[in-house]
Amino acid sequence: METRSLYLAAYDVAHPRRLRAALELVKGYSTGGQKSVHECFLTEGEKAHLLHDMALVLEENEDSFLLLRLDPRARVLTLGKALEPVDSPYFYLA
């Protein structure tokens, strides 16, 4: 079984149509998040697909996308009503 790593995916998209497309794309990989920042547990293959597909959606001169791998040794701290992210044994991608 491939190892999954926790990433934060964040984007800033200028055009509403591209913004919707970016949101739908990231939500397909996301286990949680809000607005334009999402938590994603990704394998190397899923990471490559996400980066490739996002490059097709965004305009390089107008939009930005950040995929940040979080340190697995770091302690997760949640505030308010947030839930700790859980690396589920099964993920369903549509």
N, C-alpha and C. Protein backbone atom coordinates (compact mmCIF):
# COMPACT_ATOMS: atom_id res chain seq x y z
N MET A 1 0.83 -1.18 0.00
CA MET A 1 0.00 0.00 0.00
C MET A 1 0.88 1.25 0.00
N GLU A 2 0.52 2.22 -0.84
CA GLU A 2 1.29 3.45 -0.94
C GLU A 2 1.08 4.31 0.31
N THR A 3 2.11 5.02 0.68
CA THR A 3 2.05 5.91 1.83
C THR A 3 1.43 7.24 1.42
N ARG A 4 0.59 7.76 2.28
CA ARG A 4 -0.02 9.07 2.05
C ARG A 4 0.63 10.08 2.97
N SER A 5 0.78 11.28 2.47
CA SER A 5 1.29 12.40 3.26
C SER A 5 0.23 13.48 3.33
N LEU A 6 0.24 14.23 4.42
CA LEU A 6 -0.72 15.31 4.59
C LEU A 6 -0.18 16.59 3.96
N TYR A 7 -1.00 17.20 3.11
CA TYR A 7 -0.65 18.45 2.43
C TYR A 7 -1.72 19.49 2.71
N LEU A 8 -1.31 20.74 2.66
CA LEU A 8 -2.26 21.84 2.60
C LEU A 8 -2.25 22.35 1.17
N ALA A 9 -3.42 22.42 0.57
CA ALA A 9 -3.57 22.96 -0.78
C ALA A 9 -4.26 24.30 -0.66
N ALA A 10 -3.63 25.34 -1.19
CA ALA A 10 -4.19 26.69 -1.12
C ALA A 10 -4.08 27.34 -2.49
N TYR A 11 -5.08 28.13 -2.83
CA TYR A 11 -5.07 28.78 -4.13
C TYR A 11 -5.67 30.17 -4.04
N ASP A 12 -5.27 31.00 -4.99
CA ASP A 12 -5.83 32.34 -5.16
C ASP A 12 -6.08 32.48 -6.65
N VAL A 13 -7.35 32.53 -7.04
CA VAL A 13 -7.73 32.48 -8.45
C VAL A 13 -8.53 33.73 -8.78
N ALA A 14 -8.16 34.40 -9.87
CA ALA A 14 -8.75 35.69 -10.22
C ALA A 14 -10.13 35.58 -10.85
N HIS A 15 -10.37 34.60 -11.69
CA HIS A 15 -11.63 34.53 -12.44
C HIS A 15 -12.60 33.54 -11.78
N PRO A 16 -13.88 33.92 -11.63
CA PRO A 16 -14.85 33.04 -10.95
C PRO A 16 -14.98 31.65 -11.57
N ARG A 17 -14.91 31.53 -12.88
CA ARG A 17 -15.03 30.21 -13.51
C ARG A 17 -13.84 29.31 -13.16
N ARG A 18 -12.64 29.88 -13.20
CA ARG A 18 -11.44 29.11 -12.81
C ARG A 18 -11.45 28.81 -11.32
N LEU A 19 -11.97 29.75 -10.52
CA LEU A 19 -12.06 29.54 -9.08
C LEU A 19 -12.95 28.34 -8.77
N ARG A 20 -14.10 28.26 -9.43
CA ARG A 20 -15.00 27.12 -9.24
C ARG A 20 -14.33 25.82 -9.65
N ALA A 21 -13.62 25.85 -10.79
CA ALA A 21 -12.94 24.65 -11.28
C ALA A 21 -11.84 24.22 -10.32
N ALA A 22 -11.08 25.18 -9.77
CA ALA A 22 -10.03 24.86 -8.81
C ALA A 22 -10.62 24.26 -7.53
N LEU A 23 -11.72 24.84 -7.06
CA LEU A 23 -12.38 24.32 -5.86
C LEU A 23 -12.85 22.89 -6.08
N GLU A 24 -13.51 22.62 -7.18
CA GLU A 24 -13.99 21.26 -7.46
C GLU A 24 -12.84 20.27 -7.58
N LEU A 25 -11.76 20.69 -8.20
CA LEU A 25 -10.60 19.81 -8.35
C LEU A 25 -10.01 19.46 -6.99
N VAL A 26 -9.75 20.46 -6.17
CA VAL A 26 -9.12 20.21 -4.86
C VAL A 26 -10.07 19.43 -3.95
N LYS A 27 -11.37 19.72 -4.00
CA LYS A 27 -12.32 19.00 -3.16
C LYS A 27 -12.32 17.50 -3.46
N GLY A 28 -11.97 17.13 -4.68
CA GLY A 28 -11.89 15.72 -5.04
C GLY A 28 -10.79 14.98 -4.29
N TYR A 29 -9.82 15.71 -3.79
CA TYR A 29 -8.70 15.12 -3.05
C TYR A 29 -8.74 15.46 -1.57
N SER A 30 -9.62 16.35 -1.18
CA SER A 30 -9.62 16.95 0.15
C SER A 30 -10.30 16.07 1.21
N THR A 31 -9.76 16.12 2.42
CA THR A 31 -10.42 15.49 3.56
C THR A 31 -10.98 16.54 4.50
N GLY A 32 -10.72 17.79 4.22
CA GLY A 32 -11.24 18.88 5.05
C GLY A 32 -10.67 20.19 4.59
N GLY A 33 -11.16 21.26 5.18
CA GLY A 33 -10.66 22.58 4.83
C GLY A 33 -11.79 23.58 4.79
N GLN A 34 -11.43 24.78 4.39
CA GLN A 34 -12.44 25.83 4.28
C GLN A 34 -11.97 26.86 3.28
N LYS A 35 -12.93 27.47 2.62
CA LYS A 35 -12.70 28.49 1.60
C LYS A 35 -11.65 28.01 0.61
N SER A 36 -10.46 28.61 0.57
CA SER A 36 -9.49 28.23 -0.44
C SER A 36 -8.26 27.53 0.14
N VAL A 37 -8.40 26.91 1.31
CA VAL A 37 -7.32 26.11 1.91
C VAL A 37 -7.91 24.77 2.32
N HIS A 38 -7.29 23.69 1.85
CA HIS A 38 -7.82 22.35 2.08
C HIS A 38 -6.73 21.39 2.54
N GLU A 39 -7.11 20.43 3.38
CA GLU A 39 -6.21 19.37 3.82
C GLU A 39 -6.39 18.19 2.89
N CYS A 40 -5.28 17.66 2.39
CA CYS A 40 -5.33 16.54 1.45
C CYS A 40 -4.30 15.48 1.85
N PHE A 41 -4.73 14.24 2.03
CA PHE A 41 -3.81 13.12 2.21
C PHE A 41 -3.57 12.55 0.82
N LEU A 42 -2.33 12.67 0.32
CA LEU A 42 -2.03 12.29 -1.06
C LEU A 42 -0.89 11.29 -1.15
N THR A 43 -1.02 10.37 -2.10
CA THR A 43 0.12 9.54 -2.50
C THR A 43 0.94 10.37 -3.48
N GLU A 44 2.11 9.90 -3.85
CA GLU A 44 2.92 10.62 -4.84
C GLU A 44 2.19 10.71 -6.18
N GLY A 45 1.49 9.65 -6.56
CA GLY A 45 0.75 9.65 -7.81
C GLY A 45 -0.40 10.65 -7.81
N GLU A 46 -1.15 10.69 -6.70
CA GLU A 46 -2.25 11.65 -6.58
C GLU A 46 -1.72 13.08 -6.59
N LYS A 47 -0.59 13.30 -5.92
CA LYS A 47 0.02 14.63 -5.91
C LYS A 47 0.37 15.06 -7.33
N ALA A 48 0.95 14.17 -8.10
CA ALA A 48 1.32 14.49 -9.48
C ALA A 48 0.08 14.81 -10.32
N HIS A 49 -0.98 14.02 -10.15
CA HIS A 49 -2.23 14.27 -10.89
C HIS A 49 -2.84 15.62 -10.51
N LEU A 50 -2.87 15.92 -9.21
CA LEU A 50 -3.42 17.19 -8.75
C LEU A 50 -2.64 18.36 -9.33
N LEU A 51 -1.32 18.31 -9.27
CA LEU A 51 -0.50 19.40 -9.80
C LEU A 51 -0.69 19.55 -11.31
N HIS A 52 -0.74 18.44 -12.01
CA HIS A 52 -0.95 18.48 -13.47
C HIS A 52 -2.30 19.08 -13.82
N ASP A 53 -3.35 18.59 -13.17
CA ASP A 53 -4.70 19.07 -13.47
C ASP A 53 -4.88 20.53 -13.07
N MET A 54 -4.27 20.94 -11.96
CA MET A 54 -4.39 22.33 -11.53
C MET A 54 -3.67 23.24 -12.53
N ALA A 55 -2.56 22.80 -13.09
CA ALA A 55 -1.85 23.59 -14.09
C ALA A 55 -2.72 23.82 -15.33
N LEU A 56 -3.61 22.87 -15.63
CA LEU A 56 -4.51 23.03 -16.77
C LEU A 56 -5.64 24.01 -16.47
N VAL A 57 -6.01 24.17 -15.20
CA VAL A 57 -7.12 25.04 -14.80
C VAL A 57 -6.67 26.49 -14.66
N LEU A 58 -5.50 26.71 -14.08
CA LEU A 58 -5.08 28.06 -13.71
C LEU A 58 -4.35 28.79 -14.84
N GLU A 59 -4.41 30.12 -14.76
CA GLU A 59 -3.63 31.00 -15.63
C GLU A 59 -2.38 31.41 -14.86
N GLU A 60 -1.23 31.07 -15.40
CA GLU A 60 0.04 31.28 -14.70
C GLU A 60 0.26 32.73 -14.27
N ASN A 61 -0.14 33.69 -15.12
CA ASN A 61 0.11 35.10 -14.82
C ASN A 61 -0.91 35.73 -13.88
N GLU A 62 -2.05 35.06 -13.63
CA GLU A 62 -3.11 35.65 -12.83
C GLU A 62 -3.41 34.90 -11.54
N ASP A 63 -3.14 33.61 -11.50
CA ASP A 63 -3.55 32.76 -10.38
C ASP A 63 -2.33 32.16 -9.68
N SER A 64 -2.57 31.64 -8.48
CA SER A 64 -1.49 30.94 -7.77
C SER A 64 -2.05 29.72 -7.06
N PHE A 65 -1.17 28.73 -6.88
CA PHE A 65 -1.53 27.48 -6.21
C PHE A 65 -0.33 27.04 -5.38
N LEU A 66 -0.59 26.65 -4.14
CA LEU A 66 0.45 26.18 -3.24
C LEU A 66 0.05 24.82 -2.70
N LEU A 67 0.94 23.86 -2.81
CA LEU A 67 0.74 22.54 -2.22
C LEU A 67 1.89 22.32 -1.25
N LEU A 68 1.60 22.36 0.03
CA LEU A 68 2.61 22.34 1.09
C LEU A 68 2.51 21.04 1.86
N ARG A 69 3.58 20.24 1.85
CA ARG A 69 3.61 19.00 2.63
C ARG A 69 3.88 19.34 4.08
N LEU A 70 3.04 18.83 4.96
CA LEU A 70 3.20 19.09 6.39
C LEU A 70 4.10 18.02 7.01
N ASP A 71 4.86 18.42 7.99
CA ASP A 71 5.78 17.52 8.67
C ASP A 71 4.98 16.48 9.45
N PRO A 72 5.16 15.19 9.15
CA PRO A 72 4.37 14.16 9.85
C PRO A 72 4.71 14.06 11.34
N ARG A 73 5.84 14.61 11.75
CA ARG A 73 6.22 14.57 13.17
C ARG A 73 5.54 15.68 13.98
N ALA A 74 4.98 16.67 13.28
CA ALA A 74 4.38 17.81 13.96
C ALA A 74 3.08 17.42 14.65
N ARG A 75 2.83 18.02 15.77
CA ARG A 75 1.60 17.79 16.51
C ARG A 75 0.48 18.60 15.86
N VAL A 76 -0.68 18.00 15.71
CA VAL A 76 -1.83 18.69 15.13
C VAL A 76 -2.53 19.46 16.24
N LEU A 77 -2.76 20.73 16.00
CA LEU A 77 -3.45 21.59 16.96
C LEU A 77 -4.70 22.12 16.27
N THR A 78 -5.85 21.90 16.87
CA THR A 78 -7.10 22.41 16.31
C THR A 78 -7.69 23.45 17.24
N LEU A 79 -8.36 24.42 16.67
CA LEU A 79 -8.97 25.50 17.44
C LEU A 79 -10.48 25.51 17.20
N GLY A 80 -11.23 25.96 18.16
CA GLY A 80 -12.67 26.06 18.00
C GLY A 80 -13.31 24.70 17.84
N LYS A 81 -14.17 24.56 16.84
CA LYS A 81 -14.91 23.33 16.62
C LYS A 81 -14.22 22.42 15.60
N ALA A 82 -12.99 22.71 15.26
CA ALA A 82 -12.27 21.94 14.25
C ALA A 82 -12.02 20.51 14.74
N LEU A 83 -11.94 19.61 13.80
CA LEU A 83 -11.63 18.21 14.10
C LEU A 83 -10.23 17.90 13.61
N GLU A 84 -9.50 17.07 14.34
CA GLU A 84 -8.19 16.65 13.89
C GLU A 84 -8.33 15.86 12.60
N PRO A 85 -7.41 16.07 11.62
CA PRO A 85 -7.47 15.29 10.40
C PRO A 85 -7.17 13.82 10.69
N VAL A 86 -7.86 12.95 10.01
CA VAL A 86 -7.70 11.52 10.21
C VAL A 86 -7.28 10.90 8.88
N ASP A 87 -6.22 10.11 8.91
CA ASP A 87 -5.77 9.42 7.71
C ASP A 87 -6.58 8.13 7.61
N SER A 88 -7.70 8.21 6.91
CA SER A 88 -8.60 7.09 6.76
C SER A 88 -7.95 5.97 5.96
N PRO A 89 -8.26 4.71 6.26
CA PRO A 89 -7.68 3.61 5.47
C PRO A 89 -8.25 3.56 4.05
N TYR A 90 -9.38 4.22 3.81
CA TYR A 90 -10.00 4.21 2.48
C TYR A 90 -10.38 5.62 2.06
N PHE A 91 -10.10 5.95 0.82
CA PHE A 91 -10.50 7.22 0.24
C PHE A 91 -11.24 6.93 -1.05
N TYR A 92 -12.30 7.66 -1.29
CA TYR A 92 -13.08 7.51 -2.51
C TYR A 92 -12.90 8.73 -3.36
N LEU A 93 -12.35 8.55 -4.54
CA LEU A 93 -12.17 9.67 -5.47
C LEU A 93 -13.19 9.54 -6.58
N ALA A 94 -13.90 10.61 -6.83
CA ALA A 94 -14.93 10.60 -7.87
C ALA A 94 -14.35 11.04 -9.19
